[in-house]
Amino acid sequence: MPITGVTVKHYAYCPHIVRLEALGFSERVTEAMYEGQVVEKEKEVGFLLTKYKEVIRKPIYRWRNLVGSPDFVLHAYNYYTPLDVKAGYSTTLDHKYQVLFYAFIMEKLGMNVKEALLYYVRKKKLVKLQYNDDERKFVEKLIKWIREAMEEEVKVAQRKEKCENCNFFPYCRPKKVGRLYYTL
């Protein structure tokens, strides 16, 4: 089973989601997810696209069983930068992990990557993430953890609000103890 940018995003939200997906469960499309797809991404980041030598729109990169498709790849003269456009308001770990995952795949394919970018439409905010040896090592660990989660049950404790707002909640059926939910 391939590891995609969405797999990485799901793992960052809750590792148990990755296990459920490996078992064949899928999430329903929410209004927020639909809004993220509908955003006119090129219009929103047009101010940024003119600063680069080349702009690659929605490429699909594959390296081994890793698949990534950032919204844009910006090509300066000596390096490439993945850019993901988000409809939300704030920077979250799942977004950071996802765009760094894209940088990792691009690097494995021989591209020189120095940074990754996130753009938040509602705040009109550009977030720049460095991509260096520390991030590379972290993404390698992340991929290892995702593979482990795909293969076997993962014990997870989450805040009540996070679990109850998860699209996989009906499949997961975690046990509620106080203000937390636990899998297994």
N, C-alpha and C. Protein backbone atom coordinates (compact mmCIF):
# COMPACT_ATOMS: atom_id res chain seq x y z
N MET A 1 0.85 -1.18 0.00
CA MET A 1 0.00 0.00 0.00
C MET A 1 0.90 1.25 0.00
N PRO A 2 0.65 2.19 -0.92
CA PRO A 2 1.49 3.39 -0.98
C PRO A 2 1.25 4.32 0.21
N ILE A 3 2.26 5.08 0.53
CA ILE A 3 2.14 6.15 1.52
C ILE A 3 2.04 7.44 0.72
N THR A 4 0.95 8.16 0.93
CA THR A 4 0.69 9.40 0.19
C THR A 4 0.75 10.59 1.14
N GLY A 5 0.65 11.78 0.56
CA GLY A 5 0.58 12.99 1.37
C GLY A 5 -0.61 12.96 2.31
N VAL A 6 -1.72 12.41 1.85
CA VAL A 6 -2.91 12.30 2.71
C VAL A 6 -2.66 11.31 3.84
N THR A 7 -1.95 10.23 3.57
CA THR A 7 -1.61 9.26 4.62
C THR A 7 -0.80 9.97 5.71
N VAL A 8 0.17 10.77 5.31
CA VAL A 8 1.01 11.51 6.26
C VAL A 8 0.15 12.47 7.08
N LYS A 9 -0.74 13.17 6.41
CA LYS A 9 -1.63 14.12 7.09
C LYS A 9 -2.50 13.39 8.10
N HIS A 10 -3.05 12.26 7.72
CA HIS A 10 -3.89 11.46 8.62
C HIS A 10 -3.09 10.95 9.81
N TYR A 11 -1.88 10.47 9.57
CA TYR A 11 -1.04 9.96 10.66
C TYR A 11 -0.78 11.06 11.69
N ALA A 12 -0.50 12.27 11.21
CA ALA A 12 -0.23 13.38 12.12
C ALA A 12 -1.46 13.71 12.96
N TYR A 13 -2.64 13.53 12.37
CA TYR A 13 -3.88 13.80 13.12
C TYR A 13 -4.12 12.70 14.15
N CYS A 14 -4.01 11.44 13.70
CA CYS A 14 -4.18 10.29 14.59
C CYS A 14 -3.62 9.04 13.91
N PRO A 15 -2.62 8.41 14.49
CA PRO A 15 -2.00 7.23 13.88
C PRO A 15 -2.98 6.08 13.62
N HIS A 16 -4.06 6.03 14.38
CA HIS A 16 -5.03 4.94 14.20
C HIS A 16 -5.76 5.04 12.87
N ILE A 17 -5.88 6.24 12.32
CA ILE A 17 -6.53 6.42 11.02
C ILE A 17 -5.78 5.63 9.95
N VAL A 18 -4.45 5.65 10.01
CA VAL A 18 -3.63 4.95 9.02
C VAL A 18 -3.93 3.45 9.05
N ARG A 19 -4.10 2.90 10.26
CA ARG A 19 -4.44 1.48 10.39
C ARG A 19 -5.81 1.20 9.79
N LEU A 20 -6.78 2.06 10.08
CA LEU A 20 -8.13 1.87 9.55
C LEU A 20 -8.13 1.93 8.02
N GLU A 21 -7.36 2.85 7.46
CA GLU A 21 -7.26 2.93 5.99
C GLU A 21 -6.61 1.68 5.41
N ALA A 22 -5.60 1.15 6.10
CA ALA A 22 -4.94 -0.07 5.63
C ALA A 22 -5.92 -1.25 5.64
N LEU A 23 -6.91 -1.18 6.51
CA LEU A 23 -7.93 -2.23 6.57
C LEU A 23 -9.07 -2.01 5.58
N GLY A 24 -9.03 -0.88 4.84
CA GLY A 24 -10.02 -0.63 3.80
C GLY A 24 -11.08 0.42 4.12
N PHE A 25 -11.02 1.04 5.28
CA PHE A 25 -11.99 2.08 5.62
C PHE A 25 -11.57 3.39 4.97
N SER A 26 -12.54 4.23 4.63
CA SER A 26 -12.23 5.54 4.06
C SER A 26 -13.11 6.60 4.70
N GLU A 27 -12.63 7.82 4.64
CA GLU A 27 -13.36 8.90 5.30
C GLU A 27 -14.39 9.51 4.36
N ARG A 28 -15.43 10.06 4.96
CA ARG A 28 -16.43 10.77 4.16
C ARG A 28 -15.88 12.17 3.89
N VAL A 29 -16.30 12.76 2.79
CA VAL A 29 -15.86 14.10 2.43
C VAL A 29 -16.71 15.11 3.20
N THR A 30 -16.05 15.97 3.97
CA THR A 30 -16.75 16.98 4.76
C THR A 30 -16.83 18.30 4.00
N GLU A 31 -17.60 19.22 4.53
CA GLU A 31 -17.72 20.55 3.92
C GLU A 31 -16.36 21.25 3.89
N ALA A 32 -15.59 21.12 4.97
CA ALA A 32 -14.27 21.76 5.03
C ALA A 32 -13.33 21.16 3.97
N MET A 33 -13.40 19.85 3.78
CA MET A 33 -12.56 19.21 2.77
C MET A 33 -12.95 19.69 1.37
N TYR A 34 -14.25 19.78 1.13
CA TYR A 34 -14.74 20.25 -0.16
C TYR A 34 -14.29 21.68 -0.40
N GLU A 35 -14.37 22.52 0.63
CA GLU A 35 -13.95 23.92 0.52
C GLU A 35 -12.47 24.00 0.14
N GLY A 36 -11.66 23.13 0.72
CA GLY A 36 -10.24 23.10 0.40
C GLY A 36 -9.98 22.72 -1.05
N GLN A 37 -10.85 21.90 -1.63
CA GLN A 37 -10.70 21.50 -3.03
C GLN A 37 -11.16 22.60 -3.98
N VAL A 38 -12.14 23.38 -3.54
CA VAL A 38 -12.76 24.38 -4.40
C VAL A 38 -11.96 25.68 -4.47
N VAL A 39 -11.16 25.96 -3.47
CA VAL A 39 -10.39 27.20 -3.44
C VAL A 39 -9.63 27.36 -4.75
N GLU A 40 -9.71 28.53 -5.33
CA GLU A 40 -8.97 28.81 -6.56
C GLU A 40 -7.52 29.07 -6.19
N LYS A 41 -6.77 28.01 -6.07
CA LYS A 41 -5.43 28.06 -5.50
C LYS A 41 -4.49 28.95 -6.30
N GLU A 42 -4.54 28.85 -7.60
CA GLU A 42 -3.61 29.64 -8.41
C GLU A 42 -3.89 31.13 -8.26
N LYS A 43 -5.14 31.49 -8.18
CA LYS A 43 -5.52 32.90 -7.99
C LYS A 43 -5.01 33.40 -6.64
N GLU A 44 -5.12 32.57 -5.62
CA GLU A 44 -4.74 32.96 -4.26
C GLU A 44 -3.23 33.18 -4.11
N VAL A 45 -2.43 32.42 -4.84
CA VAL A 45 -0.97 32.53 -4.69
C VAL A 45 -0.30 33.14 -5.92
N GLY A 46 -1.07 33.77 -6.76
CA GLY A 46 -0.54 34.37 -7.97
C GLY A 46 0.61 35.34 -7.70
N PHE A 47 0.51 36.09 -6.60
CA PHE A 47 1.56 37.04 -6.23
C PHE A 47 2.91 36.35 -6.04
N LEU A 48 2.88 35.09 -5.64
CA LEU A 48 4.10 34.35 -5.35
C LEU A 48 4.65 33.67 -6.60
N LEU A 49 3.76 33.21 -7.46
CA LEU A 49 4.17 32.42 -8.62
C LEU A 49 5.02 33.20 -9.61
N THR A 50 4.85 34.49 -9.67
CA THR A 50 5.60 35.30 -10.63
C THR A 50 7.07 35.47 -10.26
N LYS A 51 7.44 35.10 -9.05
CA LYS A 51 8.81 35.28 -8.58
C LYS A 51 9.73 34.11 -8.95
N TYR A 52 9.20 33.09 -9.59
CA TYR A 52 9.99 31.89 -9.86
C TYR A 52 10.19 31.67 -11.35
N LYS A 53 11.26 30.99 -11.67
CA LYS A 53 11.63 30.68 -13.05
C LYS A 53 10.56 29.80 -13.71
N GLU A 54 10.04 28.84 -12.94
CA GLU A 54 9.06 27.89 -13.46
C GLU A 54 8.11 27.51 -12.33
N VAL A 55 6.85 27.28 -12.68
CA VAL A 55 5.84 26.81 -11.72
C VAL A 55 5.24 25.53 -12.28
N ILE A 56 5.33 24.47 -11.50
CA ILE A 56 4.76 23.18 -11.89
C ILE A 56 3.47 23.00 -11.10
N ARG A 57 2.36 22.83 -11.80
CA ARG A 57 1.06 22.74 -11.16
C ARG A 57 0.66 21.29 -10.92
N LYS A 58 0.32 21.00 -9.69
CA LYS A 58 -0.19 19.71 -9.23
C LYS A 58 0.58 18.50 -9.82
N PRO A 59 1.89 18.48 -9.64
CA PRO A 59 2.66 17.32 -10.13
C PRO A 59 2.39 16.10 -9.24
N ILE A 60 2.64 14.95 -9.77
CA ILE A 60 2.57 13.72 -8.98
C ILE A 60 3.96 13.12 -8.99
N TYR A 61 4.55 13.01 -7.80
CA TYR A 61 5.89 12.46 -7.67
C TYR A 61 5.81 11.11 -6.98
N ARG A 62 6.57 10.14 -7.53
CA ARG A 62 6.62 8.80 -6.96
C ARG A 62 8.07 8.40 -6.73
N TRP A 63 8.33 7.89 -5.56
CA TRP A 63 9.63 7.29 -5.24
C TRP A 63 9.35 6.07 -4.39
N ARG A 64 9.68 4.90 -4.92
CA ARG A 64 9.35 3.63 -4.28
C ARG A 64 7.85 3.59 -4.00
N ASN A 65 7.44 3.39 -2.74
CA ASN A 65 5.99 3.34 -2.47
C ASN A 65 5.48 4.66 -1.89
N LEU A 66 6.23 5.74 -2.10
CA LEU A 66 5.82 7.05 -1.62
C LEU A 66 5.27 7.86 -2.80
N VAL A 67 4.13 8.50 -2.58
CA VAL A 67 3.48 9.28 -3.63
C VAL A 67 3.09 10.63 -3.05
N GLY A 68 3.50 11.70 -3.72
CA GLY A 68 3.16 13.03 -3.24
C GLY A 68 2.72 13.93 -4.38
N SER A 69 1.75 14.78 -4.08
CA SER A 69 1.25 15.70 -5.09
C SER A 69 0.97 17.07 -4.46
N PRO A 70 2.03 17.89 -4.33
CA PRO A 70 1.80 19.24 -3.80
C PRO A 70 0.97 20.06 -4.80
N ASP A 71 0.37 21.13 -4.32
CA ASP A 71 -0.42 21.98 -5.21
C ASP A 71 0.46 22.61 -6.28
N PHE A 72 1.66 23.03 -5.89
CA PHE A 72 2.60 23.65 -6.82
C PHE A 72 4.01 23.25 -6.43
N VAL A 73 4.90 23.26 -7.42
CA VAL A 73 6.34 23.18 -7.16
C VAL A 73 6.93 24.40 -7.84
N LEU A 74 7.64 25.19 -7.05
CA LEU A 74 8.25 26.42 -7.52
C LEU A 74 9.72 26.15 -7.82
N HIS A 75 10.15 26.50 -9.01
CA HIS A 75 11.53 26.24 -9.42
C HIS A 75 12.27 27.56 -9.52
N ALA A 76 13.20 27.75 -8.60
CA ALA A 76 14.12 28.88 -8.68
C ALA A 76 15.27 28.40 -9.57
N TYR A 77 16.32 29.14 -9.67
CA TYR A 77 17.40 28.74 -10.58
C TYR A 77 18.19 27.53 -10.10
N ASN A 78 18.33 27.35 -8.79
CA ASN A 78 19.13 26.21 -8.33
C ASN A 78 18.42 25.33 -7.29
N TYR A 79 17.13 25.53 -7.09
CA TYR A 79 16.40 24.67 -6.15
C TYR A 79 14.90 24.67 -6.44
N TYR A 80 14.22 23.69 -5.85
CA TYR A 80 12.78 23.53 -6.00
C TYR A 80 12.11 23.66 -4.62
N THR A 81 10.87 24.15 -4.62
CA THR A 81 10.12 24.34 -3.38
C THR A 81 8.70 23.83 -3.55
N PRO A 82 8.26 22.84 -2.75
CA PRO A 82 6.85 22.46 -2.79
C PRO A 82 6.01 23.52 -2.07
N LEU A 83 4.84 23.80 -2.61
CA LEU A 83 3.91 24.76 -2.02
C LEU A 83 2.54 24.11 -1.94
N ASP A 84 1.97 24.09 -0.76
CA ASP A 84 0.60 23.61 -0.57
C ASP A 84 -0.26 24.76 -0.10
N VAL A 85 -1.44 24.88 -0.68
CA VAL A 85 -2.38 25.94 -0.34
C VAL A 85 -3.47 25.33 0.53
N LYS A 86 -3.71 25.95 1.68
CA LYS A 86 -4.69 25.43 2.64
C LYS A 86 -5.81 26.44 2.84
N ALA A 87 -7.03 25.94 2.96
CA ALA A 87 -8.19 26.82 3.15
C ALA A 87 -8.32 27.28 4.59
N GLY A 88 -7.69 26.61 5.52
CA GLY A 88 -7.85 26.91 6.94
C GLY A 88 -7.19 28.19 7.39
N TYR A 89 -7.21 28.37 8.71
CA TYR A 89 -6.69 29.59 9.33
C TYR A 89 -5.29 29.43 9.91
N SER A 90 -4.96 28.24 10.38
CA SER A 90 -3.73 28.14 11.17
C SER A 90 -2.84 26.99 10.72
N THR A 91 -1.57 27.15 11.02
CA THR A 91 -0.57 26.14 10.71
C THR A 91 -0.72 24.98 11.68
N THR A 92 -0.83 23.79 11.15
CA THR A 92 -0.98 22.59 11.98
C THR A 92 0.13 21.60 11.64
N LEU A 93 0.38 20.69 12.57
CA LEU A 93 1.43 19.69 12.33
C LEU A 93 1.15 18.85 11.10
N ASP A 94 -0.11 18.47 10.89
CA ASP A 94 -0.41 17.62 9.74
C ASP A 94 -0.05 18.33 8.43
N HIS A 95 -0.27 19.63 8.34
CA HIS A 95 0.10 20.37 7.14
C HIS A 95 1.63 20.43 6.98
N LYS A 96 2.33 20.68 8.08
CA LYS A 96 3.80 20.73 8.03
C LYS A 96 4.37 19.39 7.60
N TYR A 97 3.89 18.31 8.22
CA TYR A 97 4.40 16.98 7.88
C TYR A 97 4.15 16.67 6.40
N GLN A 98 2.98 17.03 5.92
CA GLN A 98 2.61 16.74 4.54
C GLN A 98 3.55 17.44 3.55
N VAL A 99 3.78 18.73 3.73
CA VAL A 99 4.62 19.46 2.77
C VAL A 99 6.10 19.05 2.89
N LEU A 100 6.55 18.70 4.09
CA LEU A 100 7.92 18.19 4.25
C LEU A 100 8.06 16.81 3.60
N PHE A 101 7.01 16.01 3.63
CA PHE A 101 6.98 14.72 2.95
C PHE A 101 7.17 14.93 1.45
N TYR A 102 6.49 15.93 0.89
CA TYR A 102 6.66 16.23 -0.53
C TYR A 102 8.11 16.62 -0.82
N ALA A 103 8.70 17.44 0.04
CA ALA A 103 10.09 17.85 -0.14
C ALA A 103 11.01 16.62 -0.13
N PHE A 104 10.73 15.68 0.76
CA PHE A 104 11.53 14.45 0.87
C PHE A 104 11.49 13.65 -0.43
N ILE A 105 10.30 13.45 -0.97
CA ILE A 105 10.17 12.69 -2.23
C ILE A 105 10.90 13.42 -3.35
N MET A 106 10.71 14.72 -3.43
CA MET A 106 11.37 15.49 -4.48
C MET A 106 12.89 15.35 -4.40
N GLU A 107 13.41 15.40 -3.18
CA GLU A 107 14.85 15.25 -2.99
C GLU A 107 15.30 13.86 -3.43
N LYS A 108 14.53 12.84 -3.09
CA LYS A 108 14.87 11.47 -3.49
C LYS A 108 14.89 11.32 -5.01
N LEU A 109 14.12 12.15 -5.69
CA LEU A 109 14.07 12.11 -7.15
C LEU A 109 15.16 12.99 -7.79
N GLY A 110 16.07 13.51 -6.96
CA GLY A 110 17.21 14.25 -7.47
C GLY A 110 17.04 15.75 -7.53
N MET A 111 15.96 16.27 -6.97
CA MET A 111 15.74 17.72 -6.96
C MET A 111 16.40 18.33 -5.74
N ASN A 112 17.00 19.49 -5.89
CA ASN A 112 17.59 20.21 -4.77
C ASN A 112 16.46 20.98 -4.08
N VAL A 113 16.15 20.63 -2.83
CA VAL A 113 15.07 21.25 -2.08
C VAL A 113 15.65 21.89 -0.82
N LYS A 114 15.38 23.18 -0.61
CA LYS A 114 15.90 23.89 0.56
C LYS A 114 14.80 24.30 1.53
N GLU A 115 13.56 24.36 1.02
CA GLU A 115 12.45 24.82 1.84
C GLU A 115 11.14 24.25 1.31
N ALA A 116 10.11 24.39 2.13
CA ALA A 116 8.75 24.01 1.74
C ALA A 116 7.84 25.15 2.20
N LEU A 117 6.76 25.38 1.46
CA LEU A 117 5.88 26.49 1.78
C LEU A 117 4.43 26.04 1.98
N LEU A 118 3.76 26.71 2.91
CA LEU A 118 2.32 26.55 3.12
C LEU A 118 1.70 27.94 2.99
N TYR A 119 0.58 28.01 2.29
CA TYR A 119 -0.12 29.29 2.20
C TYR A 119 -1.54 29.10 2.72
N TYR A 120 -1.93 29.93 3.69
CA TYR A 120 -3.26 29.86 4.30
C TYR A 120 -4.12 30.98 3.73
N VAL A 121 -5.13 30.58 2.96
CA VAL A 121 -5.97 31.50 2.21
C VAL A 121 -6.71 32.48 3.12
N ARG A 122 -7.35 31.99 4.16
CA ARG A 122 -8.18 32.86 5.00
C ARG A 122 -7.37 33.92 5.74
N LYS A 123 -6.16 33.60 6.11
CA LYS A 123 -5.30 34.57 6.82
C LYS A 123 -4.36 35.31 5.88
N LYS A 124 -4.32 34.86 4.61
CA LYS A 124 -3.37 35.43 3.65
C LYS A 124 -1.96 35.36 4.22
N LYS A 125 -1.62 34.18 4.74
CA LYS A 125 -0.35 33.99 5.45
C LYS A 125 0.49 32.92 4.76
N LEU A 126 1.75 33.26 4.52
CA LEU A 126 2.71 32.33 3.92
C LEU A 126 3.63 31.83 5.03
N VAL A 127 3.76 30.50 5.14
CA VAL A 127 4.61 29.88 6.15
C VAL A 127 5.75 29.17 5.43
N LYS A 128 6.99 29.53 5.80
CA LYS A 128 8.18 28.94 5.19
C LYS A 128 8.79 27.94 6.17
N LEU A 129 9.00 26.72 5.71
CA LEU A 129 9.64 25.68 6.51
C LEU A 129 10.99 25.33 5.89
N GLN A 130 12.01 25.31 6.70
CA GLN A 130 13.32 24.90 6.23
C GLN A 130 13.28 23.40 5.91
N TYR A 131 14.04 22.99 4.92
CA TYR A 131 14.20 21.57 4.64
C TYR A 131 15.69 21.30 4.63
N ASN A 132 16.15 20.62 5.68
CA ASN A 132 17.58 20.30 5.79
C ASN A 132 17.72 18.90 6.37
N ASP A 133 18.88 18.57 6.86
CA ASP A 133 19.14 17.22 7.36
C ASP A 133 18.22 16.82 8.51
N ASP A 134 17.90 17.75 9.40
CA ASP A 134 17.01 17.43 10.53
C ASP A 134 15.62 17.05 10.04
N GLU A 135 15.08 17.82 9.10
CA GLU A 135 13.76 17.51 8.57
C GLU A 135 13.77 16.20 7.79
N ARG A 136 14.83 15.98 7.03
CA ARG A 136 14.98 14.74 6.26
C ARG A 136 14.94 13.52 7.19
N LYS A 137 15.71 13.59 8.28
CA LYS A 137 15.74 12.48 9.24
C LYS A 137 14.38 12.30 9.90
N PHE A 138 13.70 13.41 10.19
CA PHE A 138 12.37 13.30 10.79
C PHE A 138 11.40 12.62 9.82
N VAL A 139 11.41 13.01 8.55
CA VAL A 139 10.50 12.40 7.57
C VAL A 139 10.80 10.91 7.43
N GLU A 140 12.06 10.52 7.47
CA GLU A 140 12.41 9.10 7.42
C GLU A 140 11.80 8.35 8.60
N LYS A 141 11.87 8.93 9.81
CA LYS A 141 11.24 8.32 10.99
C LYS A 141 9.73 8.26 10.83
N LEU A 142 9.16 9.33 10.34
CA LEU A 142 7.72 9.41 10.14
C LEU A 142 7.24 8.30 9.20
N ILE A 143 7.96 8.08 8.12
CA ILE A 143 7.61 7.02 7.17
C ILE A 143 7.67 5.66 7.86
N LYS A 144 8.69 5.45 8.68
CA LYS A 144 8.83 4.20 9.43
C LYS A 144 7.63 4.00 10.37
N TRP A 145 7.26 5.06 11.10
CA TRP A 145 6.12 4.98 12.03
C TRP A 145 4.82 4.70 11.28
N ILE A 146 4.65 5.31 10.11
CA ILE A 146 3.44 5.08 9.31
C ILE A 146 3.38 3.64 8.85
N ARG A 147 4.50 3.09 8.40
CA ARG A 147 4.52 1.68 7.97
C ARG A 147 4.14 0.76 9.13
N GLU A 148 4.66 1.06 10.31
CA GLU A 148 4.32 0.26 11.49
C GLU A 148 2.83 0.37 11.81
N ALA A 149 2.28 1.55 11.72
CA ALA A 149 0.85 1.76 11.99
C ALA A 149 -0.03 1.05 10.96
N MET A 150 0.44 0.94 9.73
CA MET A 150 -0.33 0.25 8.69
C MET A 150 -0.39 -1.25 8.97
N GLU A 151 0.66 -1.78 9.56
CA GLU A 151 0.78 -3.22 9.75
C GLU A 151 0.16 -3.76 11.03
N GLU A 152 0.06 -2.92 12.07
CA GLU A 152 -0.47 -3.43 13.33
C GLU A 152 -1.21 -2.35 14.09
N GLU A 153 -2.06 -2.77 14.99
CA GLU A 153 -2.84 -1.85 15.81
C GLU A 153 -1.93 -0.90 16.58
N VAL A 154 -2.38 0.32 16.71
CA VAL A 154 -1.62 1.35 17.41
C VAL A 154 -2.44 1.84 18.59
N LYS A 155 -1.81 1.91 19.76
CA LYS A 155 -2.49 2.47 20.92
C LYS A 155 -2.43 3.98 20.84
N VAL A 156 -3.58 4.62 20.96
CA VAL A 156 -3.65 6.07 20.84
C VAL A 156 -4.56 6.62 21.92
N ALA A 157 -4.17 7.74 22.49
CA ALA A 157 -5.02 8.49 23.41
C ALA A 157 -5.21 9.88 22.81
N GLN A 158 -6.46 10.29 22.67
CA GLN A 158 -6.77 11.59 22.07
C GLN A 158 -7.76 12.35 22.93
N ARG A 159 -7.71 13.67 22.81
CA ARG A 159 -8.71 14.52 23.47
C ARG A 159 -10.10 14.18 22.93
N LYS A 160 -11.08 14.29 23.79
CA LYS A 160 -12.48 13.99 23.45
C LYS A 160 -12.91 14.74 22.19
N GLU A 161 -12.63 16.04 22.12
CA GLU A 161 -13.06 16.87 21.00
C GLU A 161 -12.43 16.42 19.68
N LYS A 162 -11.17 16.04 19.74
CA LYS A 162 -10.47 15.62 18.53
C LYS A 162 -11.08 14.33 17.98
N CYS A 163 -11.32 13.37 18.86
CA CYS A 163 -11.90 12.09 18.43
C CYS A 163 -13.31 12.28 17.87
N GLU A 164 -14.11 13.04 18.58
CA GLU A 164 -15.51 13.19 18.17
C GLU A 164 -15.65 13.96 16.87
N ASN A 165 -14.64 14.74 16.48
CA ASN A 165 -14.67 15.47 15.21
C ASN A 165 -13.97 14.73 14.08
N CYS A 166 -13.53 13.52 14.34
CA CYS A 166 -12.80 12.73 13.35
C CYS A 166 -13.78 11.98 12.44
N ASN A 167 -13.49 12.00 11.13
CA ASN A 167 -14.35 11.29 10.17
C ASN A 167 -14.27 9.77 10.31
N PHE A 168 -13.27 9.28 11.03
CA PHE A 168 -13.12 7.84 11.22
C PHE A 168 -13.71 7.36 12.54
N PHE A 169 -14.26 8.26 13.33
CA PHE A 169 -14.80 7.93 14.65
C PHE A 169 -15.78 6.75 14.62
N PRO A 170 -16.71 6.71 13.64
CA PRO A 170 -17.66 5.57 13.62
C PRO A 170 -16.99 4.21 13.42
N TYR A 171 -15.84 4.18 12.75
CA TYR A 171 -15.12 2.93 12.51
C TYR A 171 -14.21 2.57 13.68
N CYS A 172 -13.66 3.57 14.29
CA CYS A 172 -12.64 3.40 15.32
C CYS A 172 -13.23 2.85 16.62
N ARG A 173 -14.29 3.43 17.06
CA ARG A 173 -14.97 3.06 18.31
C ARG A 173 -14.02 3.01 19.50
N PRO A 174 -13.37 4.14 19.76
CA PRO A 174 -12.45 4.18 20.91
C PRO A 174 -13.22 4.17 22.22
N LYS A 175 -12.52 3.85 23.29
CA LYS A 175 -13.13 3.80 24.62
C LYS A 175 -12.93 5.15 25.30
N LYS A 176 -14.02 5.72 25.83
CA LYS A 176 -13.95 7.01 26.49
C LYS A 176 -13.65 6.82 27.96
N VAL A 177 -12.61 7.52 28.43
CA VAL A 177 -12.24 7.51 29.85
C VAL A 177 -11.99 8.97 30.23
N GLY A 178 -12.92 9.54 30.97
CA GLY A 178 -12.79 10.95 31.34
C GLY A 178 -12.88 11.84 30.13
N ARG A 179 -11.85 12.68 29.91
CA ARG A 179 -11.84 13.61 28.78
C ARG A 179 -11.04 13.06 27.60
N LEU A 180 -10.64 11.80 27.66
CA LEU A 180 -9.84 11.19 26.59
C LEU A 180 -10.55 9.98 25.99
N TYR A 181 -10.16 9.68 24.76
CA TYR A 181 -10.56 8.44 24.10
C TYR A 181 -9.30 7.61 23.88
N TYR A 182 -9.44 6.30 24.02
CA TYR A 182 -8.32 5.38 23.85
C TYR A 182 -8.67 4.32 22.83
N THR A 183 -7.72 4.00 21.94
CA THR A 183 -7.91 2.86 21.05
C THR A 183 -7.29 1.66 21.75
N LEU A 184 -7.79 0.50 21.44
CA LEU A 184 -7.36 -0.77 22.04
C LEU A 184 -7.68 -0.76 23.46
